[in-house]
Amino acid sequence: MSHPLDRAVWNALNTRLSAFATPDSDARAVRIDPEVGVFLSAVDPSPESRARLTELARRHPGASLVERADGPMADVLPDGIPVDRRIGLVQMTSAALTAARAPELAMETLTEADAPAMLELALLTKPGPFRSKTRELGPFVGIKQDGVLVAMAGRRLRVDGFTELSGVCTHPDHRGRGYAAALSRAVVGEIHASGEAAFLHAFADHDGTIAFYRSLGFEIRAPMTYTILAE
């Protein structure tokens, strides 16, 4: 039996995040609500599943797929839809945070009122795909300066026993102050306290990012491929 994180998108959208799947998703292929995210996935590489994958990709443009790079679904893509980019990722997991002296920072849980600021910050810093309603996958926590959101982190995919840390970003003018580490520790600490392990996806060629997450207690679990379809 495969590990639940080997196919985190498929497993999440068919279990704990099924409420976020589009109404036309089915047992062969699933697409997350485009206002919430970009994810698209099929159950297997059969022609029938690929046909449904293609149909959902055409009906909801702007989709992306995340699959284990050395797994059987890595190259199962919609037919006739150009690929914009294929990016190598690493999937990292953490069952315990490293010891650290936490700085005294004022964090707050972000709400619907913060949605425009969250999207603006994500579009500026590009922590990964972030849409107008991605915050609904949270909760997200943030740090504000003079009422302006300058850093945030939250949750995204959820599968059996694991919740994903995601959307970690800091405004360029406020980097180097430990905000990303503090917010990540807060989110991951809550995930661990719930009895789950945390996971995340990082760009495989971003050595500094990988080293940062290792400093928090994450280790690389598997190589992943992030396929962005052309709109």
Foldseek 3Di string as FASTA:
>chain_A
DDDCVQALLVQQCVPVVVVQWDPPADQAKTAGNVQQWAEIDGPALDPVSLASSQVVCVVRPWHKYKHFCPDRCQPSHHPPFAWPDKFKKFKKKFLAWDDDDADDADKDFDDLVCLVLLVVQCVQFVQDIGHSNNCVQWRKMFGDDPNHTFWIWTWHTDHVQEIEIGSGGGHPVPPPPCRSVNRSCVHQVVSNVVVGMYMYMDGPPPVVVQVVVVNTGMDTDGMMMMITTDD
